Amino acid sequence: MLGSPRRTGVDGDGDRDVEGDADAGSDSGSGSDSGSGSGSVEFAVTLEHVSVRYGKVENAKQVAVRDVSLAFPKNQVTALLGPSGCGKTTILRTINRLHDHTTGRVSGAVKIGELDVYARDTQPEIVRTRVGMVFQRPNLFPTLSIFDNVVAGLRMNGVRKRPFLREAAEAALRQAALWDSVKDRLGLPAVRLSGGQQQRLCIARALAIGPEVLLLDEPCSALDPQASARVEQLIVELSAHITIALVTHNLFQATRISHRTAVFLLDEQNSGTLVEDGPTVDVFSSPKDPRTLAYVTGTIG
């Protein structure tokens, strides 16, 4: 069983009080209410009654995620928890429109600020200039240098001016706490970096486009404890000015670095569903749904 979560995201000079987050959305099993009762909280991303289906035939068994309403407060870390296969990564991919490249079909509403992500006139490229994503394992371009990996997204968006690319690369690498380690070898193949450095390079590449939102899909699962600690500290620092959605199976990690936690489980039809969301300290110490209590104490999951 987990111990009591700390009242701050991290200790040391990264301390942040999460007690003031109690009104950021609702904590009911039906998801967050991004409307009334949210006080002065500003939401970077909102999902309203979102479902994701796979395949061409309507079939309840093909519903990966069912009727999820969830709001992500601006400049906070929201952890998405739950056992494998309950829809956490599906939700991240929904925000970034990555289902466009699969048989996945999204219903409901997804907004990044005021941008309607699935409106007819919204281009996926516009969404991806506002949202960066980092996957479970470092997905570098193996034939490219460290520098070229960092600026790959900018080049895909049409940026060609070398001085601008150099400035953007340095800024992103500094943000990712990697500049001092690689500044003298930017031309070397990125695959020569250690696993932890490769993951931070992927974060730098996502940061180079200047996103408002950063989606992290288990970014520490393939790293050793030391590299994981560095990435966790980086997440805390970045959340001062970027909204972060973090999928993790590590409950301790969620208590260390997230402001809010959303718990997903499978429903009776084997579809992922949002059971509860709220301030992390409340979800772990006084959950409202008995299923949440069972999950965070290890009874299920």
C-alpha atoms as a PDB file:
ATOM      1  CA  MET A   1       0.000   0.000   0.000  1.00  0.00           C
ATOM      2  CA  LEU A   2       1.248   3.482  -0.835  1.00  0.00           C
ATOM      3  CA  GLY A   3       2.143   5.903   1.891  1.00  0.00           C
ATOM      4  CA  SER A   4       0.451   9.277   2.140  1.00  0.00           C
ATOM      5  CA  PRO A   5       1.222  11.474  -0.848  1.00  0.00           C
ATOM      6  CA  ARG A   6       3.177  14.602  -0.225  1.00  0.00           C
ATOM      7  CA  ARG A   7       1.384  17.942  -0.423  1.00  0.00           C
ATOM      8  CA  THR A   8       3.888  19.116  -2.991  1.00  0.00           C
ATOM      9  CA  GLY A   9       4.881  17.848  -6.406  1.00  0.00           C
ATOM     10  CA  VAL A  10       8.563  17.596  -5.483  1.00  0.00           C
ATOM     11  CA  ASP A  11      10.784  18.628  -2.637  1.00  0.00           C
ATOM     12  CA  GLY A  12      13.768  20.946  -2.713  1.00  0.00           C
ATOM     13  CA  ASP A  13      13.740  23.994  -4.950  1.00  0.00           C
ATOM     14  CA  GLY A  14      10.962  22.498  -7.077  1.00  0.00           C
ATOM     15  CA  ASP A  15       8.345  22.688  -4.277  1.00  0.00           C
ATOM     16  CA  ARG A  16       4.785  23.451  -5.301  1.00  0.00           C
ATOM     17  CA  ASP A  17       1.688  23.433  -3.140  1.00  0.00           C
ATOM     18  CA  VAL A  18      -1.119  21.355  -4.615  1.00  0.00           C
ATOM     19  CA  GLU A  19      -3.716  22.135  -1.952  1.00  0.00           C
ATOM     20  CA  GLY A  20      -4.994  25.041  -4.009  1.00  0.00           C
ATOM     21  CA  ASP A  21      -5.934  22.684  -6.863  1.00  0.00           C
ATOM     22  CA  ALA A  22      -8.936  21.245  -5.075  1.00  0.00           C
ATOM     23  CA  ASP A  23     -11.445  23.128  -7.208  1.00  0.00           C
ATOM     24  CA  ALA A  24      -9.851  22.336 -10.556  1.00  0.00           C
ATOM     25  CA  GLY A  25     -12.668  20.349 -12.110  1.00  0.00           C
ATOM     26  CA  SER A  26     -14.862  17.795 -10.394  1.00  0.00           C
ATOM     27  CA  ASP A  27     -13.795  14.570  -8.715  1.00  0.00           C
ATOM     28  CA  SER A  28     -16.751  12.411  -9.667  1.00  0.00           C
ATOM     29  CA  GLY A  29     -16.481   9.182 -11.567  1.00  0.00           C
ATOM     30  CA  SER A  30     -18.211  10.812 -14.549  1.00  0.00           C
ATOM     31  CA  GLY A  31     -15.167  13.015 -15.184  1.00  0.00           C
ATOM     32  CA  SER A  32     -14.304  16.670 -14.805  1.00  0.00           C
ATOM     33  CA  ASP A  33     -16.692  19.554 -15.213  1.00  0.00           C
ATOM     34  CA  SER A  34     -14.844  22.282 -17.053  1.00  0.00           C
ATOM     35  CA  GLY A  35     -17.755  24.630 -16.680  1.00  0.00           C
ATOM     36  CA  SER A  36     -19.365  25.897 -13.485  1.00  0.00           C
ATOM     37  CA  GLY A  37     -17.641  25.433 -10.154  1.00  0.00           C
ATOM     38  CA  SER A  38     -14.135  25.540 -11.602  1.00  0.00           C
ATOM     39  CA  GLY A  39     -13.397  28.960 -10.118  1.00  0.00           C
ATOM     40  CA  SER A  40     -10.493  30.761 -11.755  1.00  0.00           C
ATOM     41  CA  VAL A  41      -8.832  27.606 -13.077  1.00  0.00           C
ATOM     42  CA  GLU A  42      -7.884  27.817 -16.756  1.00  0.00           C
ATOM     43  CA  PHE A  43      -7.955  24.581 -18.709  1.00  0.00           C
ATOM     44  CA  ALA A  44      -5.446  23.906 -21.475  1.00  0.00           C
ATOM     45  CA  VAL A  45      -7.231  20.785 -22.759  1.00  0.00           C
ATOM     46  CA  THR A  46     -10.823  19.647 -22.298  1.00  0.00           C
ATOM     47  CA  LEU A  47     -12.463  16.389 -23.311  1.00  0.00           C
ATOM     48  CA  GLU A  48     -16.240  16.098 -23.283  1.00  0.00           C
ATOM     49  CA  HIS A  49     -17.956  12.714 -23.678  1.00  0.00           C
ATOM     50  CA  VAL A  50     -15.092  11.305 -25.724  1.00  0.00           C
ATOM     51  CA  SER A  51     -15.273   7.744 -26.999  1.00  0.00           C
ATOM     52  CA  VAL A  52     -12.821   5.986 -29.304  1.00  0.00           C
ATOM     53  CA  ARG A  53     -13.784   3.012 -31.447  1.00  0.00           C
ATOM     54  CA  TYR A  54     -11.678   0.794 -33.681  1.00  0.00           C
ATOM     55  CA  GLY A  55     -12.779  -1.064 -36.777  1.00  0.00           C
ATOM     56  CA  LYS A  56     -15.488  -0.381 -39.327  1.00  0.00           C
ATOM     57  CA  VAL A  57     -18.374  -2.192 -37.654  1.00  0.00           C
ATOM     58  CA  GLU A  58     -20.257  -0.865 -34.644  1.00  0.00           C
ATOM     59  CA  ASN A  59     -19.412  -3.290 -31.892  1.00  0.00           C
ATOM     60  CA  ALA A  60     -19.309  -2.651 -28.162  1.00  0.00           C
ATOM     61  CA  LYS A  61     -16.180  -4.791 -27.893  1.00  0.00           C
ATOM     62  CA  GLN A  62     -14.344  -2.385 -30.201  1.00  0.00           C
ATOM     63  CA  VAL A  63     -14.829   0.619 -27.922  1.00  0.00           C
ATOM     64  CA  ALA A  64     -11.390   1.343 -26.478  1.00  0.00           C
ATOM     65  CA  VAL A  65     -12.511   4.356 -24.419  1.00  0.00           C
ATOM     66  CA  ARG A  66     -16.070   5.199 -23.482  1.00  0.00           C
ATOM     67  CA  ASP A  67     -17.624   8.565 -22.595  1.00  0.00           C
ATOM     68  CA  VAL A  68     -14.624  10.284 -21.015  1.00  0.00           C
ATOM     69  CA  SER A  69     -14.960  13.879 -19.821  1.00  0.00           C
ATOM     70  CA  LEU A  70     -11.735  15.285 -18.414  1.00  0.00           C
ATOM     71  CA  ALA A  71     -10.093  18.701 -18.103  1.00  0.00           C
ATOM     72  CA  PHE A  72      -6.364  19.384 -17.873  1.00  0.00           C
ATOM     73  CA  PRO A  73      -5.574  22.561 -15.898  1.00  0.00           C
ATOM     74  CA  LYS A  74      -3.056  24.871 -17.515  1.00  0.00           C
ATOM     75  CA  ASN A  75       0.581  24.561 -16.385  1.00  0.00           C
ATOM     76  CA  GLN A  76       0.003  21.530 -14.212  1.00  0.00           C
ATOM     77  CA  VAL A  77       0.930  17.848 -14.418  1.00  0.00           C
ATOM     78  CA  THR A  78      -2.044  15.516 -14.731  1.00  0.00           C
ATOM     79  CA  ALA A  79      -1.194  11.843 -14.254  1.00  0.00           C
ATOM     80  CA  LEU A  80      -3.281   9.206 -16.036  1.00  0.00           C
ATOM     81  CA  LEU A  81      -3.247   5.975 -14.052  1.00  0.00           C
ATOM     82  CA  GLY A  82      -4.738   2.545 -14.570  1.00  0.00           C
ATOM     83  CA  PRO A  83      -3.852  -1.000 -15.607  1.00  0.00           C
ATOM     84  CA  SER A  84      -2.694  -1.823 -19.124  1.00  0.00           C
ATOM     85  CA  GLY A  85      -5.369  -1.650 -21.799  1.00  0.00           C
ATOM     86  CA  CYS A  86      -7.719   0.762 -20.049  1.00  0.00           C
ATOM     87  CA  GLY A  87      -7.362   3.630 -22.509  1.00  0.00           C
ATOM     88  CA  LYS A  88      -4.719   5.970 -21.077  1.00  0.00           C
ATOM     89  CA  THR A  89      -2.536   6.070 -24.190  1.00  0.00           C
ATOM     90  CA  THR A  90      -5.659   6.144 -26.353  1.00  0.00           C
ATOM     91  CA  ILE A  91      -6.631   9.405 -24.642  1.00  0.00           C
ATOM     92  CA  LEU A  92      -3.208  10.938 -25.322  1.00  0.00           C
ATOM     93  CA  ARG A  93      -3.379   9.918 -28.976  1.00  0.00           C
ATOM     94  CA  THR A  94      -6.871  11.397 -29.181  1.00  0.00           C
ATOM     95  CA  ILE A  95      -5.640  14.806 -28.046  1.00  0.00           C
ATOM     96  CA  ASN A  96      -2.908  14.794 -30.692  1.00  0.00           C
ATOM     97  CA  ARG A  97      -5.109  13.331 -33.475  1.00  0.00           C
ATOM     98  CA  LEU A  98      -2.875  10.314 -33.923  1.00  0.00           C
ATOM     99  CA  HIS A  99      -5.944   8.152 -34.530  1.00  0.00           C
ATOM    100  CA  ASP A 100      -6.181   9.837 -37.925  1.00  0.00           C
ATOM    101  CA  HIS A 101      -3.550   7.322 -39.047  1.00  0.00           C
ATOM    102  CA  THR A 102      -5.412   4.259 -37.739  1.00  0.00           C
ATOM    103  CA  THR A 103      -8.927   2.818 -37.892  1.00  0.00           C
ATOM    104  CA  GLY A 104      -9.735   4.675 -34.677  1.00  0.00           C
ATOM    105  CA  ARG A 105     -12.859   6.843 -34.726  1.00  0.00           C
ATOM    106  CA  VAL A 106     -13.317   9.583 -32.167  1.00  0.00           C
ATOM    107  CA  SER A 107     -16.659  10.933 -30.994  1.00  0.00           C
ATOM    108  CA  GLY A 108     -17.275  13.716 -28.511  1.00  0.00           C
ATOM    109  CA  ALA A 109     -15.409  17.018 -28.234  1.00  0.00           C
ATOM    110  CA  VAL A 110     -11.712  17.715 -27.689  1.00  0.00           C
ATOM    111  CA  LYS A 111     -10.441  21.269 -27.297  1.00  0.00           C
ATOM    112  CA  ILE A 112      -6.973  22.741 -26.850  1.00  0.00           C
ATOM    113  CA  GLY A 113      -7.807  26.121 -25.436  1.00  0.00           C
ATOM    114  CA  GLU A 114     -10.502  27.329 -27.824  1.00  0.00           C
ATOM    115  CA  LEU A 115      -9.309  25.171 -30.731  1.00  0.00           C
ATOM    116  CA  ASP A 116     -11.798  22.443 -31.612  1.00  0.00           C
ATOM    117  CA  VAL A 117      -9.399  19.608 -32.405  1.00  0.00           C
ATOM    118  CA  TYR A 118     -11.864  17.592 -34.507  1.00  0.00           C
ATOM    119  CA  ALA A 119     -13.642  20.446 -36.279  1.00  0.00           C
ATOM    120  CA  ARG A 120     -13.877  19.993 -40.037  1.00  0.00           C
ATOM    121  CA  ASP A 121     -11.611  22.954 -40.721  1.00  0.00           C
ATOM    122  CA  THR A 122      -8.960  22.034 -38.128  1.00  0.00           C
ATOM    123  CA  GLN A 123      -5.861  20.580 -39.768  1.00  0.00           C
ATOM    124  CA  PRO A 124      -3.921  17.939 -37.776  1.00  0.00           C
ATOM    125  CA  GLU A 125      -0.711  19.885 -38.432  1.00  0.00           C
ATOM    126  CA  ILE A 126      -2.152  22.876 -36.565  1.00  0.00           C
ATOM    127  CA  VAL A 127      -2.924  20.665 -33.575  1.00  0.00           C
ATOM    128  CA  ARG A 128       0.596  19.245 -33.558  1.00  0.00           C
ATOM    129  CA  THR A 129       2.210  22.686 -33.506  1.00  0.00           C
ATOM    130  CA  ARG A 130       0.455  23.222 -30.171  1.00  0.00           C
ATOM    131  CA  VAL A 131       0.932  19.731 -28.733  1.00  0.00           C
ATOM    132  CA  GLY A 132       4.153  17.736 -28.378  1.00  0.00           C
ATOM    133  CA  MET A 133       4.316  14.022 -27.585  1.00  0.00           C
ATOM    134  CA  VAL A 134       6.987  11.737 -26.158  1.00  0.00           C
ATOM    135  CA  PHE A 135       6.546   7.990 -26.275  1.00  0.00           C
ATOM    136  CA  GLN A 136       7.413   5.102 -23.969  1.00  0.00           C
ATOM    137  CA  ARG A 137      10.753   4.397 -25.609  1.00  0.00           C
ATOM    138  CA  PRO A 138      13.034   6.961 -27.243  1.00  0.00           C
ATOM    139  CA  ASN A 139      11.965   7.190 -30.881  1.00  0.00           C
ATOM    140  CA  LEU A 140      14.905   9.017 -32.405  1.00  0.00           C
ATOM    141  CA  PHE A 141      15.653   9.285 -36.083  1.00  0.00           C
ATOM    142  CA  PRO A 142      18.575   6.850 -35.957  1.00  0.00           C
ATOM    143  CA  THR A 143      20.436   8.184 -38.985  1.00  0.00           C
ATOM    144  CA  LEU A 144      20.256  11.820 -37.873  1.00  0.00           C
ATOM    145  CA  SER A 145      22.577  13.796 -35.626  1.00  0.00           C
ATOM    146  CA  ILE A 146      21.663  15.141 -32.213  1.00  0.00           C
ATOM    147  CA  PHE A 147      21.075  18.583 -33.731  1.00  0.00           C
ATOM    148  CA  ASP A 148      18.984  17.291 -36.620  1.00  0.00           C
ATOM    149  CA  ASN A 149      16.826  15.248 -34.268  1.00  0.00           C
ATOM    150  CA  VAL A 150      16.042  18.302 -32.142  1.00  0.00           C
ATOM    151  CA  VAL A 151      14.997  20.483 -35.081  1.00  0.00           C
ATOM    152  CA  ALA A 152      13.211  17.748 -37.069  1.00  0.00           C
ATOM    153  CA  GLY A 153       9.758  19.025 -36.116  1.00  0.00           C
ATOM    154  CA  LEU A 154      10.635  22.583 -37.040  1.00  0.00           C
ATOM    155  CA  ARG A 155      11.921  21.494 -40.432  1.00  0.00           C
ATOM    156  CA  MET A 156       8.757  19.502 -41.037  1.00  0.00           C
ATOM    157  CA  ASN A 157       6.848  22.725 -40.355  1.00  0.00           C
ATOM    158  CA  GLY A 158       8.839  24.525 -43.014  1.00  0.00           C
ATOM    159  CA  VAL A 159      11.498  26.266 -40.918  1.00  0.00           C
ATOM    160  CA  ARG A 160      14.756  26.422 -42.861  1.00  0.00           C
ATOM    161  CA  LYS A 161      16.785  29.373 -41.537  1.00  0.00           C
ATOM    162  CA  ARG A 162      19.914  27.959 -39.921  1.00  0.00           C
ATOM    163  CA  PRO A 163      20.354  30.711 -37.265  1.00  0.00           C
ATOM    164  CA  PHE A 164      16.787  30.213 -36.069  1.00  0.00           C
ATOM    165  CA  LEU A 165      17.226  26.432 -35.967  1.00  0.00           C
ATOM    166  CA  ARG A 166      20.446  26.801 -33.943  1.00  0.00           C
ATOM    167  CA  GLU A 167      18.755  29.081 -31.420  1.00  0.00           C
ATOM    168  CA  ALA A 168      15.729  26.818 -31.143  1.00  0.00           C
ATOM    169  CA  ALA A 169      17.898  23.725 -30.692  1.00  0.00           C
ATOM    170  CA  GLU A 170      19.940  25.314 -27.919  1.00  0.00           C
ATOM    171  CA  ALA A 171      16.841  26.593 -26.131  1.00  0.00           C
ATOM    172  CA  ALA A 172      15.108  23.208 -26.312  1.00  0.00           C
ATOM    173  CA  LEU A 173      18.200  21.316 -25.163  1.00  0.00           C
ATOM    174  CA  ARG A 174      18.600  23.701 -22.239  1.00  0.00           C
ATOM    175  CA  GLN A 175      14.974  23.187 -21.300  1.00  0.00           C
ATOM    176  CA  ALA A 176      15.537  19.445 -21.436  1.00  0.00           C
ATOM    177  CA  ALA A 177      18.626  19.755 -19.192  1.00  0.00           C
ATOM    178  CA  LEU A 178      20.780  18.270 -21.949  1.00  0.00           C
ATOM    179  CA  TRP A 179      22.678  21.214 -23.439  1.00  0.00           C
ATOM    180  CA  ASP A 180      25.787  20.973 -21.264  1.00  0.00           C
ATOM    181  CA  SER A 181      26.158  17.280 -22.084  1.00  0.00           C
ATOM    182  CA  VAL A 182      25.829  17.558 -25.868  1.00  0.00           C
ATOM    183  CA  LYS A 183      26.787  21.112 -26.888  1.00  0.00           C
ATOM    184  CA  ASP A 184      30.198  19.990 -28.164  1.00  0.00           C
ATOM    185  CA  ARG A 185      28.909  16.983 -30.111  1.00  0.00           C
ATOM    186  CA  LEU A 186      25.709  18.137 -31.789  1.00  0.00           C
ATOM    187  CA  GLY A 187      26.863  16.634 -35.071  1.00  0.00           C
ATOM    188  CA  LEU A 188      27.266  13.120 -33.693  1.00  0.00           C
ATOM    189  CA  PRO A 189      24.597  10.439 -34.236  1.00  0.00           C
ATOM    190  CA  ALA A 190      21.868  10.729 -31.620  1.00  0.00           C
ATOM    191  CA  VAL A 191      21.924   6.968 -31.039  1.00  0.00           C
ATOM    192  CA  ARG A 192      25.297   7.327 -29.281  1.00  0.00           C
ATOM    193  CA  LEU A 193      23.580   8.929 -26.299  1.00  0.00           C
ATOM    194  CA  SER A 194      22.602   6.914 -23.237  1.00  0.00           C
ATOM    195  CA  GLY A 195      19.002   5.774 -22.840  1.00  0.00           C
ATOM    196  CA  GLY A 196      18.156   8.574 -20.427  1.00  0.00           C
ATOM    197  CA  GLN A 197      19.791  11.165 -22.659  1.00  0.00           C
ATOM    198  CA  GLN A 198      17.925   9.831 -25.683  1.00  0.00           C
ATOM    199  CA  GLN A 199      14.618  10.265 -23.877  1.00  0.00           C
ATOM    200  CA  ARG A 200      15.512  13.813 -22.870  1.00  0.00           C
ATOM    201  CA  LEU A 201      16.485  14.446 -26.496  1.00  0.00           C
ATOM    202  CA  CYS A 202      13.000  13.328 -27.521  1.00  0.00           C
ATOM    203  CA  ILE A 203      11.569  15.768 -24.977  1.00  0.00           C
ATOM    204  CA  ALA A 204      13.813  18.505 -26.415  1.00  0.00           C
ATOM    205  CA  ARG A 205      12.524  17.717 -29.917  1.00  0.00           C
ATOM    206  CA  ALA A 206       8.945  18.058 -28.663  1.00  0.00           C
ATOM    207  CA  LEU A 207       9.804  21.334 -26.908  1.00  0.00           C
ATOM    208  CA  ALA A 208      11.499  22.839 -29.968  1.00  0.00           C
ATOM    209  CA  ILE A 209       8.145  23.495 -31.662  1.00  0.00           C
ATOM    210  CA  GLY A 210       7.045  25.589 -28.659  1.00  0.00           C
ATOM    211  CA  PRO A 211       4.033  23.508 -27.575  1.00  0.00           C
ATOM    212  CA  GLU A 212       1.398  24.575 -25.085  1.00  0.00           C
ATOM    213  CA  VAL A 213       0.786  20.953 -24.092  1.00  0.00           C
ATOM    214  CA  LEU A 214       3.196  18.040 -23.669  1.00  0.00           C
ATOM    215  CA  LEU A 215       1.902  14.468 -23.763  1.00  0.00           C
ATOM    216  CA  LEU A 216       4.178  11.926 -22.076  1.00  0.00           C
ATOM    217  CA  ASP A 217       3.421   8.236 -22.520  1.00  0.00           C
ATOM    218  CA  GLU A 218       5.313   6.390 -19.773  1.00  0.00           C
ATOM    219  CA  PRO A 219       8.520   8.341 -20.470  1.00  0.00           C
ATOM    220  CA  CYS A 220      10.470   6.645 -17.664  1.00  0.00           C
ATOM    221  CA  SER A 221       9.385   3.028 -18.100  1.00  0.00           C
ATOM    222  CA  ALA A 222      12.528   2.023 -20.025  1.00  0.00           C
ATOM    223  CA  LEU A 223      14.970   4.051 -17.904  1.00  0.00           C
ATOM    224  CA  ASP A 224      17.090   3.210 -14.888  1.00  0.00           C
ATOM    225  CA  PRO A 225      16.250   4.910 -11.555  1.00  0.00           C
ATOM    226  CA  GLN A 226      18.857   7.662 -11.956  1.00  0.00           C
ATOM    227  CA  ALA A 227      17.709   8.582 -15.459  1.00  0.00           C
ATOM    228  CA  SER A 228      14.081   8.399 -14.317  1.00  0.00           C
ATOM    229  CA  ALA A 229      14.782  10.854 -11.502  1.00  0.00           C
ATOM    230  CA  ARG A 230      16.260  13.327 -13.973  1.00  0.00           C
ATOM    231  CA  VAL A 231      13.250  13.077 -16.264  1.00  0.00           C
ATOM    232  CA  GLU A 232      10.890  13.488 -13.311  1.00  0.00           C
ATOM    233  CA  GLN A 233      12.681  16.640 -12.186  1.00  0.00           C
ATOM    234  CA  LEU A 234      12.528  17.913 -15.763  1.00  0.00           C
ATOM    235  CA  ILE A 235       8.766  17.326 -15.867  1.00  0.00           C
ATOM    236  CA  VAL A 236       8.327  19.328 -12.677  1.00  0.00           C
ATOM    237  CA  GLU A 237      10.374  22.218 -14.049  1.00  0.00           C
ATOM    238  CA  LEU A 238       8.586  22.236 -17.405  1.00  0.00           C
ATOM    239  CA  SER A 239       5.145  22.303 -15.801  1.00  0.00           C
ATOM    240  CA  ALA A 240       5.789  25.868 -14.658  1.00  0.00           C
ATOM    241  CA  HIS A 241       4.969  26.967 -18.207  1.00  0.00           C
ATOM    242  CA  ILE A 242       3.676  23.895 -20.101  1.00  0.00           C
ATOM    243  CA  THR A 243       0.624  21.744 -19.443  1.00  0.00           C
ATOM    244  CA  ILE A 244       1.658  18.095 -19.087  1.00  0.00           C
ATOM    245  CA  ALA A 245      -0.404  14.915 -19.397  1.00  0.00           C
ATOM    246  CA  LEU A 246       1.568  11.957 -18.051  1.00  0.00           C
ATOM    247  CA  VAL A 247       0.637   8.315 -18.536  1.00  0.00           C
ATOM    248  CA  THR A 248       2.339   6.177 -15.909  1.00  0.00           C
ATOM    249  CA  HIS A 249       1.971   2.788 -14.246  1.00  0.00           C
ATOM    250  CA  ASN A 250       4.150   4.000 -11.387  1.00  0.00           C
ATOM    251  CA  LEU A 251       1.827   5.149  -8.616  1.00  0.00           C
ATOM    252  CA  PHE A 252       4.742   6.500  -6.604  1.00  0.00           C
ATOM    253  CA  GLN A 253       5.787   8.612  -9.573  1.00  0.00           C
ATOM    254  CA  ALA A 254       2.297  10.087  -9.769  1.00  0.00           C
ATOM    255  CA  THR A 255       2.390  11.068  -6.101  1.00  0.00           C
ATOM    256  CA  ARG A 256       5.833  12.641  -6.517  1.00  0.00           C
ATOM    257  CA  ILE A 257       5.296  14.888  -9.505  1.00  0.00           C
ATOM    258  CA  SER A 258       1.640  15.315 -10.472  1.00  0.00           C
ATOM    259  CA  HIS A 259      -0.815  17.963  -9.365  1.00  0.00           C
ATOM    260  CA  ARG A 260      -3.836  15.955 -10.434  1.00  0.00           C
ATOM    261  CA  THR A 261      -4.561  12.301 -11.112  1.00  0.00           C
ATOM    262  CA  ALA A 262      -7.139  10.616 -13.323  1.00  0.00           C
ATOM    263  CA  VAL A 263      -7.810   6.911 -12.741  1.00  0.00           C
ATOM    264  CA  PHE A 264      -8.949   4.713 -15.635  1.00  0.00           C
ATOM    265  CA  LEU A 265     -10.286   1.171 -15.352  1.00  0.00           C
ATOM    266  CA  LEU A 266     -12.148  -1.266 -17.601  1.00  0.00           C
ATOM    267  CA  ASP A 267     -15.936  -1.300 -17.434  1.00  0.00           C
ATOM    268  CA  GLU A 268     -18.263  -4.294 -17.764  1.00  0.00           C
ATOM    269  CA  GLN A 269     -17.927  -4.170 -21.550  1.00  0.00           C
ATOM    270  CA  ASN A 270     -14.133  -4.169 -21.368  1.00  0.00           C
ATOM    271  CA  SER A 271     -13.872  -0.543 -22.447  1.00  0.00           C
ATOM    272  CA  GLY A 272     -11.671   2.016 -20.772  1.00  0.00           C
ATOM    273  CA  THR A 273     -13.561   4.436 -18.568  1.00  0.00           C
ATOM    274  CA  LEU A 274     -12.637   7.324 -16.280  1.00  0.00           C
ATOM    275  CA  VAL A 275     -13.420   6.325 -12.707  1.00  0.00           C
ATOM    276  CA  GLU A 276     -12.250   9.393 -10.811  1.00  0.00           C
ATOM    277  CA  ASP A 277     -10.090  12.473 -11.171  1.00  0.00           C
ATOM    278  CA  GLY A 278      -8.991  15.185  -8.789  1.00  0.00           C
ATOM    279  CA  PRO A 279      -6.032  16.586  -6.886  1.00  0.00           C
ATOM    280  CA  THR A 280      -3.436  13.826  -6.534  1.00  0.00           C
ATOM    281  CA  VAL A 281      -3.310  14.084  -2.759  1.00  0.00           C
ATOM    282  CA  ASP A 282      -7.082  13.521  -2.564  1.00  0.00           C
ATOM    283  CA  VAL A 283      -7.205  10.682  -5.084  1.00  0.00           C
ATOM    284  CA  PHE A 284      -4.605   8.747  -3.079  1.00  0.00           C
ATOM    285  CA  SER A 285      -5.562   9.658   0.485  1.00  0.00           C
ATOM    286  CA  SER A 286      -9.360   9.986   0.293  1.00  0.00           C
ATOM    287  CA  PRO A 287     -10.733   8.683  -3.026  1.00  0.00           C
ATOM    288  CA  LYS A 288     -14.462   9.082  -3.598  1.00  0.00           C
ATOM    289  CA  ASP A 289     -14.930   5.919  -5.652  1.00  0.00           C
ATOM    290  CA  PRO A 290     -14.272   2.513  -4.027  1.00  0.00           C
ATOM    291  CA  ARG A 291     -12.746   1.297  -7.284  1.00  0.00           C
ATOM    292  CA  THR A 292     -10.119   4.022  -7.045  1.00  0.00           C
ATOM    293  CA  LEU A 293      -9.310   2.970  -3.491  1.00  0.00           C
ATOM    294  CA  ALA A 294      -8.969  -0.637  -4.631  1.00  0.00           C
ATOM    295  CA  TYR A 295      -6.586   0.391  -7.416  1.00  0.00           C
ATOM    296  CA  VAL A 296      -4.312   2.729  -5.445  1.00  0.00           C
ATOM    297  CA  THR A 297      -4.021   0.211  -2.604  1.00  0.00           C
ATOM    298  CA  GLY A 298      -3.184  -2.655  -4.967  1.00  0.00           C
ATOM    299  CA  THR A 299      -6.363  -4.665  -4.444  1.00  0.00           C
ATOM    300  CA  ILE A 300      -7.039  -4.546  -8.179  1.00  0.00           C
ATOM    301  CA  GLY A 301      -4.905  -3.697 -11.177  1.00  0.00           C
END
